[in-house]
N, C-alpha and C. Protein backbone atom coordinates (compact mmCIF):
# COMPACT_ATOMS: atom_id res chain seq x y z
N MET A 1 0.74 -1.36 0.14
CA MET A 1 0.21 0.00 0.07
C MET A 1 0.94 1.27 -0.14
N ARG A 2 0.67 2.13 -0.85
CA ARG A 2 1.22 3.73 -1.45
C ARG A 2 0.77 4.49 0.83
N HIS A 3 1.70 5.27 0.46
CA HIS A 3 2.12 5.37 2.20
C HIS A 3 2.46 7.12 1.67
N THR A 4 1.40 8.53 1.74
CA THR A 4 1.88 9.66 1.37
C THR A 4 3.01 10.47 2.08
N ARG A 5 3.31 11.01 1.88
CA ARG A 5 5.25 11.84 1.64
C ARG A 5 5.05 12.21 2.78
N SER A 6 3.55 12.81 3.17
CA SER A 6 3.37 13.23 4.94
C SER A 6 3.98 12.77 6.28
N HIS A 7 2.95 11.42 5.59
CA HIS A 7 3.48 9.69 6.51
C HIS A 7 4.33 9.65 6.44
N THR A 8 5.49 9.36 5.18
CA THR A 8 6.93 8.54 5.28
C THR A 8 8.01 9.88 5.87
N GLY A 9 7.64 11.16 5.78
CA GLY A 9 8.42 11.72 6.53
C GLY A 9 7.41 12.14 8.32
N ASN A 10 6.59 11.24 8.94
CA ASN A 10 6.56 11.41 10.27
C ASN A 10 6.97 10.41 10.60
N ARG A 11 7.53 8.73 9.65
CA ARG A 11 7.67 8.36 10.41
C ARG A 11 8.89 8.31 10.27
N ARG A 12 9.74 9.05 9.25
CA ARG A 12 11.17 9.04 9.37
C ARG A 12 11.91 10.32 10.21
N SER A 13 11.00 11.23 10.81
CA SER A 13 11.19 11.84 11.74
C SER A 13 12.48 11.52 13.33
N HIS A 14 12.52 10.75 13.15
CA HIS A 14 13.12 10.15 14.51
C HIS A 14 14.52 9.56 14.14
N HIS A 15 14.42 9.55 12.47
CA HIS A 15 15.62 8.80 12.24
C HIS A 15 17.00 9.40 11.94
N ALA A 16 17.37 10.96 12.86
CA ALA A 16 17.98 12.03 12.72
C ALA A 16 19.18 11.53 13.96
N LEU A 17 19.92 11.68 13.50
CA LEU A 17 21.24 11.66 14.33
C LEU A 17 21.17 12.51 15.41
N LYS A 18 21.80 11.97 16.58
CA LYS A 18 22.37 13.31 17.71
C LYS A 18 23.60 12.82 18.05
N ALA A 19 24.00 14.16 18.33
CA ALA A 19 25.22 14.70 18.65
C ALA A 19 25.79 13.46 19.83
N THR A 20 27.24 13.49 20.14
CA THR A 20 27.74 12.61 21.42
C THR A 20 27.87 13.81 22.48
N VAL A 21 27.42 13.35 23.29
CA VAL A 21 27.67 14.04 24.65
C VAL A 21 28.61 14.08 25.36
N PHE A 22 29.60 14.68 25.64
CA PHE A 22 30.91 15.05 26.54
C PHE A 22 31.08 15.06 27.73
N THR A 23 31.99 15.14 29.10
CA THR A 23 31.84 15.89 30.33
C THR A 23 33.49 15.73 30.45
N THR A 24 34.12 15.83 31.23
CA THR A 24 35.16 15.74 32.11
C THR A 24 35.29 14.61 32.86
N CYS A 25 36.16 14.04 33.27
CA CYS A 25 36.22 12.92 33.96
C CYS A 25 36.40 13.58 35.46
N THR A 26 36.57 12.88 36.39
CA THR A 26 36.17 13.57 38.29
C THR A 26 37.50 13.48 37.78
N ASN A 27 38.02 11.47 37.85
CA ASN A 27 39.46 11.48 38.28
C ASN A 27 40.91 12.53 37.23
N CYS A 28 41.04 12.15 35.92
CA CYS A 28 41.98 12.97 35.30
C CYS A 28 41.49 14.52 34.49
N GLU A 29 40.62 14.47 34.62
CA GLU A 29 39.83 15.31 34.29
C GLU A 29 40.02 15.73 32.57
N GLN A 30 39.85 14.55 31.90
CA GLN A 30 40.07 14.65 30.62
C GLN A 30 38.86 14.27 29.70
N LYS A 31 37.69 14.81 28.28
CA LYS A 31 36.94 14.79 28.28
C LYS A 31 36.58 13.01 28.24
N LYS A 32 35.43 13.22 28.43
CA LYS A 32 34.97 11.32 27.84
C LYS A 32 33.50 11.62 28.05
N GLU A 33 33.03 10.17 26.62
CA GLU A 33 31.58 10.14 26.59
C GLU A 33 30.91 9.99 28.25
N THR A 34 29.00 10.64 27.91
CA THR A 34 28.78 10.59 29.64
C THR A 34 28.40 8.72 29.68
N HIS A 35 28.44 8.09 30.65
CA HIS A 35 27.84 7.35 30.92
C HIS A 35 29.12 6.00 31.13
N ILE A 36 30.03 6.00 30.35
CA ILE A 36 31.07 5.04 29.62
C ILE A 36 31.76 5.09 30.76
N VAL A 37 33.16 4.52 31.01
CA VAL A 37 34.33 3.81 31.17
C VAL A 37 35.28 5.23 30.73
N CYS A 38 35.99 6.06 31.87
CA CYS A 38 37.49 6.76 30.97
C CYS A 38 38.17 6.10 30.62
N LYS A 39 38.63 6.16 29.15
CA LYS A 39 39.56 5.63 28.72
C LYS A 39 40.92 6.01 29.14
N HIS A 40 41.19 6.81 29.85
CA HIS A 40 42.48 7.53 29.33
C HIS A 40 43.27 7.33 31.29
N CYS A 41 42.13 6.57 32.02
CA CYS A 41 42.29 6.42 33.64
C CYS A 41 41.46 5.50 34.64
N GLY A 42 40.42 4.64 33.76
CA GLY A 42 39.97 3.93 33.43
C GLY A 42 38.64 4.22 35.20
N PHE A 43 38.43 4.91 35.15
CA PHE A 43 37.04 5.58 36.24
C PHE A 43 36.13 5.45 35.97
N TYR A 44 35.19 5.02 36.48
CA TYR A 44 33.48 5.21 36.61
C TYR A 44 32.72 5.65 37.83
N ARG A 45 31.86 6.69 37.83
CA ARG A 45 31.81 7.51 38.94
C ARG A 45 32.52 6.71 40.21
N GLY A 46 33.82 7.42 40.38
CA GLY A 46 34.95 7.62 41.41
C GLY A 46 35.23 6.32 41.52
N ARG A 47 34.89 5.35 40.84
CA ARG A 47 35.67 4.20 41.42
C ARG A 47 36.53 3.45 40.63
N LYS A 48 37.67 2.74 40.59
CA LYS A 48 38.50 1.86 39.16
C LYS A 48 37.73 0.95 39.41
N VAL A 49 37.44 1.14 37.61
CA VAL A 49 36.76 0.29 37.08
C VAL A 49 37.46 -0.80 36.10
N LEU A 50 38.93 0.33 35.00
CA LEU A 50 39.95 -0.48 34.62
C LEU A 50 40.72 -0.53 34.33
N ASP A 51 41.82 -1.75 34.56
CA ASP A 51 43.33 -1.50 34.48
C ASP A 51 43.81 -1.10 33.16
N VAL A 52 44.09 0.74 33.21
CA VAL A 52 44.61 0.94 32.01
C VAL A 52 45.36 0.68 31.28
N VAL A 53 46.63 -0.25 31.92
CA VAL A 53 48.02 0.17 32.60
C VAL A 53 48.39 -2.16 31.70
N LYS A 54 47.34 -2.18 32.31
CA LYS A 54 47.35 -3.98 31.94
C LYS A 54 46.95 -3.87 30.40
N LYS A 55 45.46 -3.19 30.30
CA LYS A 55 45.61 -3.10 29.11
C LYS A 55 46.74 -2.71 28.18
N VAL A 56 47.12 -1.89 27.88
CA VAL A 56 48.04 -1.39 27.12
C VAL A 56 49.40 -2.73 27.09
N GLU A 57 49.61 -2.89 28.09
CA GLU A 57 50.69 -3.84 28.31
C GLU A 57 50.16 -5.32 27.35
N LYS A 58 48.57 -5.36 27.03
CA LYS A 58 48.38 -7.20 26.83
C LYS A 58 48.63 -6.46 25.47
N LYS A 59 48.18 -5.50 25.18
CA LYS A 59 47.88 -4.94 23.63
C LYS A 59 49.17 -4.82 22.81
N GLN A 60 50.39 -4.79 23.66
CA GLN A 60 51.01 -4.90 22.99
C GLN A 60 52.77 -6.36 23.42
N ALA A 61 51.56 -6.56 24.29
CA ALA A 61 52.46 -8.45 24.56
C ALA A 61 51.91 -9.14 23.26
N LYS A 62 50.32 -8.75 22.47
CA LYS A 62 49.14 -9.67 21.98
C LYS A 62 50.45 -9.21 20.47
N LYS A 63 51.26 -8.47 20.28
CA LYS A 63 51.46 -7.46 19.06
C LYS A 63 52.66 -8.21 18.64
N LYS A 64 53.49 -8.31 19.61
CA LYS A 64 54.46 -8.93 19.28
C LYS A 64 54.62 -10.01 19.03
N ASN A 65 54.31 -11.19 19.72
CA ASN A 65 53.41 -12.51 18.99
C ASN A 65 53.56 -12.62 17.54
């Protein structure tokens, strides 16, 4: 069944891309995305969640092999 242009446009009105929102990390003051662990220090909401140094070392060891 055919849909009018206005019906199609109303359906597609929610397809717009949204801009990424950045905030500053409370630990290292770097820019980070909201609700995501900081990639520079591994902290999220004041707690250490990710060991960044260990992750980098693992990546380098993998690259050598």
